[in-house]
């Protein structure tokens, strides 16, 4: 049986030190808000990843949607190839946004990309060259 320590030894030899981890367990599988490590220990997932924040791990509707999509084609960058699902998602997001101003979406991979684009949009809108940016947590009410 592979242990957490076996995998940690392999990680130390293969992955740069700058990529740390909060937990010592190596995840084997997960369901809803729980995960199990390679040794069979069960945990509540307090460090959930972006993809499972709202639905939990392995939500049946999400699994079915992913399987259906992957059977057609795997993800490709919207800026490389266009596809209908991206347009549909943009339309759904626009419908749910408050206010009467015109809305458009942009898809990115990270929060850093979102901030970067927000700065570009602000510069284009104001016509100003310089900006001051700070990383912070936004809460909408």
N, C-alpha and C. Protein backbone atom coordinates (compact mmCIF):
# COMPACT_ATOMS: atom_id res chain seq x y z
N UNK A 1 0.84 -1.19 0.00
CA UNK A 1 0.00 0.00 0.00
C UNK A 1 0.89 1.25 0.00
N UNK A 2 0.53 2.22 -0.82
CA UNK A 2 1.22 3.51 -0.84
C UNK A 2 0.80 4.30 0.39
N UNK A 3 1.76 4.93 1.05
CA UNK A 3 1.44 5.73 2.23
C UNK A 3 1.63 7.21 1.92
N UNK A 4 1.11 8.04 2.82
CA UNK A 4 1.31 9.49 2.68
C UNK A 4 2.80 9.81 2.70
N UNK A 5 3.55 9.13 3.57
CA UNK A 5 4.99 9.39 3.67
C UNK A 5 5.72 8.96 2.40
N UNK A 6 5.33 7.83 1.79
CA UNK A 6 5.93 7.40 0.52
C UNK A 6 5.76 8.49 -0.54
N UNK A 7 4.55 9.01 -0.64
CA UNK A 7 4.28 10.05 -1.64
C UNK A 7 5.00 11.35 -1.30
N UNK A 8 5.11 11.66 -0.01
CA UNK A 8 5.83 12.87 0.38
C UNK A 8 7.30 12.76 -0.01
N UNK A 9 7.91 11.62 0.16
CA UNK A 9 9.31 11.42 -0.24
C UNK A 9 9.46 11.61 -1.74
N UNK A 10 8.53 11.08 -2.50
CA UNK A 10 8.57 11.26 -3.96
C UNK A 10 8.38 12.73 -4.33
N UNK A 11 7.46 13.41 -3.62
CA UNK A 11 7.21 14.83 -3.89
C UNK A 11 8.47 15.65 -3.66
N UNK A 12 9.13 15.42 -2.54
CA UNK A 12 10.34 16.17 -2.21
C UNK A 12 11.39 16.02 -3.31
N UNK A 13 11.47 14.84 -3.91
CA UNK A 13 12.46 14.58 -4.96
C UNK A 13 12.02 15.13 -6.32
N UNK A 14 10.74 15.37 -6.51
CA UNK A 14 10.24 15.72 -7.86
C UNK A 14 9.68 17.13 -7.99
N UNK A 15 9.24 17.75 -6.90
CA UNK A 15 8.55 19.04 -6.98
C UNK A 15 9.35 20.10 -6.21
N UNK A 16 9.46 21.28 -6.77
CA UNK A 16 10.22 22.37 -6.14
C UNK A 16 9.70 22.69 -4.75
N UNK A 17 10.61 23.06 -3.84
CA UNK A 17 10.25 23.37 -2.45
C UNK A 17 9.26 24.51 -2.33
N UNK A 18 9.28 25.44 -3.27
CA UNK A 18 8.38 26.59 -3.21
C UNK A 18 6.92 26.23 -3.28
N UNK A 19 6.61 25.02 -3.72
CA UNK A 19 5.22 24.58 -3.80
C UNK A 19 4.89 23.77 -2.55
N UNK A 20 4.49 24.49 -1.51
CA UNK A 20 4.20 23.85 -0.24
C UNK A 20 2.78 23.31 -0.19
N UNK A 21 2.46 22.67 0.91
CA UNK A 21 1.12 22.12 1.12
C UNK A 21 0.68 22.39 2.54
N UNK A 22 -0.62 22.58 2.71
CA UNK A 22 -1.15 22.82 4.05
C UNK A 22 -1.33 21.52 4.83
N UNK A 23 -1.66 20.45 4.12
CA UNK A 23 -1.97 19.19 4.79
C UNK A 23 -0.98 18.12 4.38
N UNK A 24 -0.74 17.17 5.26
CA UNK A 24 0.23 16.11 4.99
C UNK A 24 -0.39 14.92 4.28
N UNK A 25 -1.70 14.88 4.17
CA UNK A 25 -2.37 13.74 3.55
C UNK A 25 -2.36 13.85 2.03
N UNK A 26 -2.30 12.73 1.36
CA UNK A 26 -2.42 12.65 -0.10
C UNK A 26 -3.79 12.07 -0.42
N UNK A 27 -4.60 12.85 -1.13
CA UNK A 27 -6.00 12.48 -1.38
C UNK A 27 -6.09 11.32 -2.36
N UNK A 28 -6.91 10.36 -2.00
CA UNK A 28 -7.21 9.22 -2.87
C UNK A 28 -8.51 9.47 -3.63
N UNK A 29 -9.55 9.90 -2.90
CA UNK A 29 -10.84 10.19 -3.51
C UNK A 29 -11.65 11.09 -2.58
N UNK A 30 -12.74 11.65 -3.13
CA UNK A 30 -13.56 12.58 -2.36
C UNK A 30 -15.02 12.46 -2.77
N UNK A 31 -15.91 12.84 -1.86
CA UNK A 31 -17.34 12.85 -2.13
C UNK A 31 -17.96 13.93 -1.25
N UNK A 32 -18.74 14.80 -1.88
CA UNK A 32 -19.37 15.92 -1.19
C UNK A 32 -18.31 16.74 -0.45
N UNK A 33 -18.38 16.86 0.87
CA UNK A 33 -17.43 17.68 1.63
C UNK A 33 -16.39 16.82 2.34
N UNK A 34 -16.25 15.57 1.91
CA UNK A 34 -15.29 14.68 2.56
C UNK A 34 -14.24 14.19 1.57
N UNK A 35 -13.03 13.92 2.12
CA UNK A 35 -12.00 13.28 1.31
C UNK A 35 -11.35 12.17 2.11
N UNK A 36 -10.74 11.25 1.38
CA UNK A 36 -10.04 10.13 1.96
C UNK A 36 -8.61 10.15 1.43
N UNK A 37 -7.67 9.87 2.32
CA UNK A 37 -6.28 9.84 1.86
C UNK A 37 -5.92 8.42 1.39
N UNK A 38 -4.69 8.29 0.90
CA UNK A 38 -4.25 7.01 0.34
C UNK A 38 -4.16 5.91 1.38
N UNK A 39 -4.21 6.29 2.66
CA UNK A 39 -4.18 5.30 3.75
C UNK A 39 -5.57 4.96 4.26
N UNK A 40 -6.62 5.57 3.66
CA UNK A 40 -7.99 5.28 4.05
C UNK A 40 -8.54 6.19 5.14
N UNK A 41 -7.78 7.19 5.60
CA UNK A 41 -8.27 8.13 6.61
C UNK A 41 -9.26 9.09 5.97
N UNK A 42 -10.32 9.40 6.71
CA UNK A 42 -11.39 10.26 6.22
C UNK A 42 -11.28 11.65 6.84
N UNK A 43 -11.49 12.68 6.01
CA UNK A 43 -11.36 14.07 6.44
C UNK A 43 -12.56 14.89 5.97
N UNK A 44 -12.87 15.97 6.69
CA UNK A 44 -13.79 16.98 6.18
C UNK A 44 -12.92 17.94 5.36
N UNK A 45 -13.36 18.28 4.18
CA UNK A 45 -12.57 19.12 3.28
C UNK A 45 -12.76 20.59 3.60
N UNK A 46 -11.92 21.12 4.50
CA UNK A 46 -11.96 22.54 4.84
C UNK A 46 -11.12 23.38 3.88
N UNK A 47 -10.37 22.75 3.01
CA UNK A 47 -9.52 23.47 2.09
C UNK A 47 -9.98 23.31 0.66
N UNK A 48 -11.26 23.16 0.45
CA UNK A 48 -11.84 22.83 -0.84
C UNK A 48 -11.26 23.64 -2.00
N UNK A 49 -11.15 23.01 -3.12
CA UNK A 49 -10.65 23.68 -4.32
C UNK A 49 -11.75 24.47 -5.00
N UNK A 50 -11.34 25.32 -5.91
CA UNK A 50 -12.25 26.21 -6.62
C UNK A 50 -13.39 25.44 -7.29
N UNK A 51 -13.07 24.31 -7.88
CA UNK A 51 -14.06 23.58 -8.67
C UNK A 51 -15.14 22.92 -7.82
N UNK A 52 -14.96 22.85 -6.50
CA UNK A 52 -15.95 22.16 -5.68
C UNK A 52 -16.55 23.03 -4.57
N UNK A 53 -16.25 24.32 -4.57
CA UNK A 53 -16.74 25.19 -3.50
C UNK A 53 -18.25 25.16 -3.34
N UNK A 54 -18.99 25.18 -4.42
CA UNK A 54 -20.44 25.30 -4.36
C UNK A 54 -21.18 23.98 -4.40
N UNK A 55 -20.59 22.95 -4.94
CA UNK A 55 -21.33 21.71 -5.16
C UNK A 55 -20.78 20.52 -4.41
N UNK A 56 -19.60 20.60 -3.88
CA UNK A 56 -18.96 19.46 -3.24
C UNK A 56 -18.27 18.59 -4.29
N UNK A 57 -17.53 17.62 -3.81
CA UNK A 57 -16.82 16.71 -4.70
C UNK A 57 -17.78 15.72 -5.34
N UNK A 58 -17.58 15.46 -6.60
CA UNK A 58 -18.27 14.40 -7.34
C UNK A 58 -19.79 14.53 -7.32
N UNK A 59 -20.31 15.75 -7.38
CA UNK A 59 -21.76 15.93 -7.44
C UNK A 59 -22.27 15.25 -8.71
N UNK A 60 -23.31 14.42 -8.60
CA UNK A 60 -23.76 13.63 -9.76
C UNK A 60 -24.09 14.46 -11.01
N UNK A 61 -24.70 15.64 -10.84
CA UNK A 61 -25.02 16.46 -12.01
C UNK A 61 -23.76 16.99 -12.67
N UNK A 62 -22.77 17.35 -11.86
CA UNK A 62 -21.50 17.86 -12.40
C UNK A 62 -20.76 16.74 -13.11
N UNK A 63 -20.69 15.57 -12.49
CA UNK A 63 -20.02 14.41 -13.10
C UNK A 63 -20.67 14.08 -14.45
N UNK A 64 -22.00 14.07 -14.51
CA UNK A 64 -22.71 13.76 -15.76
C UNK A 64 -22.42 14.81 -16.83
N UNK A 65 -22.43 16.09 -16.44
CA UNK A 65 -22.16 17.16 -17.40
C UNK A 65 -20.73 17.08 -17.93
N UNK A 66 -19.79 16.79 -17.05
CA UNK A 66 -18.38 16.68 -17.47
C UNK A 66 -18.21 15.49 -18.42
N UNK A 67 -18.80 14.36 -18.06
CA UNK A 67 -18.69 13.18 -18.93
C UNK A 67 -19.30 13.44 -20.30
N UNK A 68 -20.44 14.10 -20.33
CA UNK A 68 -21.09 14.40 -21.61
C UNK A 68 -20.22 15.33 -22.45
N UNK A 69 -19.61 16.34 -21.81
CA UNK A 69 -18.78 17.28 -22.54
C UNK A 69 -17.49 16.62 -23.04
N UNK A 70 -16.84 15.85 -22.19
CA UNK A 70 -15.58 15.22 -22.57
C UNK A 70 -15.79 14.21 -23.70
N UNK A 71 -16.98 13.63 -23.77
CA UNK A 71 -17.29 12.72 -24.88
C UNK A 71 -17.31 13.47 -26.21
N UNK A 72 -17.61 14.78 -26.17
CA UNK A 72 -17.64 15.61 -27.38
C UNK A 72 -16.25 16.15 -27.68
N UNK A 73 -15.65 16.87 -26.75
CA UNK A 73 -14.28 17.36 -26.83
C UNK A 73 -13.87 17.87 -25.47
N UNK A 74 -12.58 17.79 -25.19
CA UNK A 74 -12.05 18.30 -23.93
C UNK A 74 -11.94 19.81 -24.01
N UNK A 75 -11.76 20.42 -22.88
CA UNK A 75 -11.65 21.88 -22.82
C UNK A 75 -10.57 22.38 -23.76
N UNK A 76 -10.89 23.43 -24.42
CA UNK A 76 -9.91 24.16 -25.21
C UNK A 76 -10.07 25.63 -24.89
N UNK A 77 -9.02 26.38 -25.02
CA UNK A 77 -9.09 27.81 -24.70
C UNK A 77 -10.08 28.53 -25.60
N UNK A 78 -10.98 29.30 -25.02
CA UNK A 78 -11.98 30.05 -25.78
C UNK A 78 -11.30 31.06 -26.71
N UNK A 79 -10.11 31.50 -26.34
CA UNK A 79 -9.39 32.46 -27.18
C UNK A 79 -8.67 31.76 -28.34
N UNK A 80 -8.67 30.45 -28.34
CA UNK A 80 -8.07 29.69 -29.44
C UNK A 80 -9.17 29.20 -30.37
N UNK A 81 -10.10 28.41 -29.82
CA UNK A 81 -11.24 27.91 -30.59
C UNK A 81 -12.53 28.38 -29.95
N UNK A 82 -13.49 28.76 -30.76
CA UNK A 82 -14.79 29.18 -30.24
C UNK A 82 -15.71 27.96 -30.14
N UNK A 83 -16.61 27.99 -29.16
CA UNK A 83 -17.60 26.92 -29.04
C UNK A 83 -18.85 27.43 -28.34
N UNK A 84 -19.95 26.79 -28.70
CA UNK A 84 -21.28 27.25 -28.27
C UNK A 84 -21.42 27.30 -26.75
N UNK A 85 -20.85 26.34 -26.03
CA UNK A 85 -21.03 26.28 -24.58
C UNK A 85 -20.51 27.56 -23.91
N UNK A 86 -19.45 28.14 -24.44
CA UNK A 86 -18.92 29.38 -23.86
C UNK A 86 -19.90 30.53 -24.05
N UNK A 87 -20.53 30.59 -25.21
CA UNK A 87 -21.53 31.63 -25.49
C UNK A 87 -22.73 31.44 -24.55
N UNK A 88 -23.19 30.20 -24.41
CA UNK A 88 -24.34 29.91 -23.54
C UNK A 88 -24.04 30.31 -22.09
N UNK A 89 -22.85 29.97 -21.61
CA UNK A 89 -22.49 30.33 -20.23
C UNK A 89 -22.43 31.84 -20.06
N UNK A 90 -21.86 32.53 -21.03
CA UNK A 90 -21.81 34.00 -20.97
C UNK A 90 -23.21 34.60 -20.90
N UNK A 91 -24.12 34.08 -21.71
CA UNK A 91 -25.50 34.57 -21.70
C UNK A 91 -26.16 34.34 -20.35
N UNK A 92 -25.94 33.15 -19.76
CA UNK A 92 -26.54 32.85 -18.46
C UNK A 92 -25.97 33.75 -17.36
N UNK A 93 -24.68 34.00 -17.41
CA UNK A 93 -24.06 34.90 -16.43
C UNK A 93 -24.61 36.31 -16.55
N UNK A 94 -24.73 36.80 -17.78
CA UNK A 94 -25.27 38.14 -18.01
C UNK A 94 -26.68 38.28 -17.45
N UNK A 95 -27.51 37.26 -17.65
CA UNK A 95 -28.89 37.29 -17.16
C UNK A 95 -28.96 37.44 -15.65
N UNK A 96 -27.98 36.91 -14.96
CA UNK A 96 -28.01 36.90 -13.50
C UNK A 96 -27.34 38.11 -12.85
N UNK A 97 -26.68 38.92 -13.63
CA UNK A 97 -25.99 40.09 -13.09
C UNK A 97 -26.97 41.23 -12.85
N UNK A 98 -26.84 41.91 -11.71
CA UNK A 98 -27.77 43.00 -11.40
C UNK A 98 -27.47 44.26 -12.22
N UNK A 99 -28.43 45.15 -12.23
CA UNK A 99 -28.25 46.43 -12.90
C UNK A 99 -28.70 46.41 -14.34
N UNK A 100 -28.80 47.61 -14.90
CA UNK A 100 -29.31 47.75 -16.27
C UNK A 100 -28.22 48.04 -17.29
N UNK A 101 -26.99 48.23 -16.84
CA UNK A 101 -25.91 48.54 -17.79
C UNK A 101 -25.60 47.31 -18.65
N UNK A 102 -25.06 47.53 -19.84
CA UNK A 102 -24.69 46.40 -20.69
C UNK A 102 -23.63 45.54 -20.01
N UNK A 103 -23.70 44.25 -20.23
CA UNK A 103 -22.78 43.32 -19.57
C UNK A 103 -22.13 42.40 -20.60
N UNK A 104 -20.88 42.05 -20.35
CA UNK A 104 -20.16 41.06 -21.16
C UNK A 104 -19.31 40.25 -20.20
N UNK A 105 -18.88 39.08 -20.64
CA UNK A 105 -18.06 38.23 -19.80
C UNK A 105 -16.68 38.05 -20.42
N UNK A 106 -15.75 37.64 -19.57
CA UNK A 106 -14.43 37.23 -20.03
C UNK A 106 -14.05 36.02 -19.18
N UNK A 107 -13.49 35.02 -19.79
CA UNK A 107 -13.11 33.80 -19.08
C UNK A 107 -11.60 33.81 -18.83
N UNK A 108 -11.21 33.46 -17.63
CA UNK A 108 -9.81 33.38 -17.27
C UNK A 108 -9.55 32.16 -16.42
N UNK A 109 -8.29 31.94 -16.13
CA UNK A 109 -7.89 30.75 -15.38
C UNK A 109 -7.67 31.03 -13.90
N UNK A 110 -7.34 32.28 -13.58
CA UNK A 110 -6.93 32.58 -12.22
C UNK A 110 -7.49 33.92 -11.76
N UNK A 111 -7.42 34.14 -10.46
CA UNK A 111 -7.79 35.44 -9.90
C UNK A 111 -6.85 36.52 -10.41
N UNK A 112 -5.58 36.17 -10.59
CA UNK A 112 -4.61 37.14 -11.10
C UNK A 112 -5.02 37.63 -12.49
N UNK A 113 -5.49 36.71 -13.31
CA UNK A 113 -5.97 37.10 -14.65
C UNK A 113 -7.18 38.03 -14.55
N UNK A 114 -8.05 37.76 -13.59
CA UNK A 114 -9.24 38.59 -13.40
C UNK A 114 -8.83 40.01 -13.00
N UNK A 115 -7.90 40.12 -12.05
CA UNK A 115 -7.44 41.44 -11.62
C UNK A 115 -6.74 42.17 -12.77
N UNK A 116 -5.89 41.44 -13.48
CA UNK A 116 -5.18 42.01 -14.63
C UNK A 116 -6.16 42.60 -15.65
N UNK A 117 -7.20 41.85 -15.97
CA UNK A 117 -8.19 42.32 -16.93
C UNK A 117 -9.02 43.47 -16.38
N UNK A 118 -9.33 43.43 -15.10
CA UNK A 118 -10.07 44.54 -14.49
C UNK A 118 -9.27 45.84 -14.60
N UNK A 119 -7.96 45.75 -14.40
CA UNK A 119 -7.11 46.94 -14.53
C UNK A 119 -7.09 47.42 -15.97
N UNK A 120 -6.97 46.51 -16.92
CA UNK A 120 -6.97 46.89 -18.34
C UNK A 120 -8.29 47.56 -18.72
N UNK A 121 -9.39 47.01 -18.24
CA UNK A 121 -10.70 47.57 -18.54
C UNK A 121 -10.84 48.96 -17.92
N UNK A 122 -10.38 49.11 -16.66
CA UNK A 122 -10.46 50.42 -16.00
C UNK A 122 -9.62 51.45 -16.74
N UNK A 123 -8.43 51.05 -17.18
CA UNK A 123 -7.56 51.98 -17.93
C UNK A 123 -8.23 52.38 -19.25
N UNK A 124 -8.80 51.42 -19.95
CA UNK A 124 -9.46 51.73 -21.22
C UNK A 124 -10.66 52.65 -21.00
N UNK A 125 -11.41 52.40 -19.94
CA UNK A 125 -12.61 53.19 -19.67
C UNK A 125 -12.27 54.63 -19.26
N UNK A 126 -11.24 54.78 -18.43
CA UNK A 126 -10.90 56.11 -17.92
C UNK A 126 -9.93 56.86 -18.82
N UNK A 127 -9.22 56.13 -19.68
CA UNK A 127 -8.22 56.77 -20.52
C UNK A 127 -6.93 57.08 -19.78
N UNK A 128 -6.82 56.65 -18.54
CA UNK A 128 -5.62 56.90 -17.73
C UNK A 128 -4.59 55.80 -17.97
N UNK A 129 -3.33 56.18 -17.92
CA UNK A 129 -2.26 55.21 -18.15
C UNK A 129 -1.91 54.44 -16.89
N UNK A 130 -1.89 55.11 -15.76
CA UNK A 130 -1.43 54.50 -14.52
C UNK A 130 -2.57 53.98 -13.66
N UNK A 131 -2.26 53.01 -12.83
CA UNK A 131 -3.24 52.48 -11.89
C UNK A 131 -2.54 52.14 -10.59
N UNK A 132 -3.30 52.07 -9.54
CA UNK A 132 -2.82 51.54 -8.27
C UNK A 132 -3.72 50.35 -7.98
N UNK A 133 -3.11 49.20 -7.75
CA UNK A 133 -3.90 47.99 -7.52
C UNK A 133 -3.47 47.36 -6.20
N UNK A 134 -4.42 46.76 -5.54
CA UNK A 134 -4.16 46.06 -4.29
C UNK A 134 -4.95 44.76 -4.34
N UNK A 135 -4.38 43.71 -3.84
CA UNK A 135 -5.14 42.45 -3.80
C UNK A 135 -6.00 42.48 -2.54
N UNK A 136 -7.26 42.16 -2.72
CA UNK A 136 -8.18 42.15 -1.60
C UNK A 136 -9.31 41.18 -1.88
N UNK A 137 -10.08 40.89 -0.88
CA UNK A 137 -11.21 39.99 -1.02
C UNK A 137 -12.48 40.83 -1.19
N UNK A 138 -13.23 40.54 -2.24
CA UNK A 138 -14.47 41.26 -2.50
C UNK A 138 -15.65 40.44 -2.02
N UNK A 139 -16.61 41.10 -1.41
CA UNK A 139 -17.86 40.47 -1.00
C UNK A 139 -19.00 41.28 -1.57
N UNK A 140 -19.87 40.63 -2.32
CA UNK A 140 -21.05 41.32 -2.85
C UNK A 140 -22.24 40.97 -1.99
N UNK A 141 -23.05 41.98 -1.71
CA UNK A 141 -24.25 41.74 -0.89
C UNK A 141 -25.47 41.96 -1.72
